[in-house]
Structure formats: structure tokens, C-alpha cells
Amino acid sequence: MQSKEHWDTVYASKSSDHVSWFQPHAKLSLRLINETGIPADASIIDVGGGASTLVDDLLDGGFSNITVLDLSATAMTAAQQRLGSRACAVQWMEAKEGLNKSPGPVRM
């Protein structure tokens, strides 16, 4: 079974709050982000965010430039449904499998 297929199956067969890694709030991640002192309009990408509640807490904290990247469209759909109309404030990106080679250095 491919990774994408695996995660889609997990989130199709269980609700996001019934998986072993569920957290009602990603407190440590949120604390670390807040401690950086970045402005509320800074770009934040939650890699592997799927159905995580970190996006909820970021929106609640006033962050406005959030992207969630995950292999599983099913997991992201669960998060979008949970967020309701607030999901429109987030950019959702479905990752592709097999992208394990670096394209080269990233210029900032």
C-alpha cells in the first residue's frame, strides 16, 4: 500500500479524534511558533498537518497566512469540515508521493 493510499484509508475509516496521535490542541507547536515572535501575517506551513488542530489554534491566534500540506486529501477534508467557513482562510495543498529529491538550494 502506498503512503497516500494508507493515510486516505486511515482517515476514511476513523474520525480524526479517534486516532492514537490526536491532540485537542497542539500546545507545544503553538507555543514554539508564538515564541518566535513572528507577526500574525507571516507565512506558516504545517507540513503533514492533515487533520491536525494546529490550524484551528493558529487561526484563533490571529495568524492569517497559513498553508496545510499533506499527502491525504481525506485528512485535510476532515480539517476543512471541522473549520467550516474558516477553512477558506487557509491554503490547502495535497502533496505528491515520490518527491524526495531536493531541487537544490532554496534562496531566501
Foldseek 3Di string as FASTA:
>chain_A
DDPLVVVQVVLVVDPQCPDPPADPEPVVVVVVVVVVVDDLADADEAEQCQQHCPVVVSVVVNRQHYEYEHQYPSSNVSNCVVCDPCSVSYHYYHDDPPPPDDPDDDDD
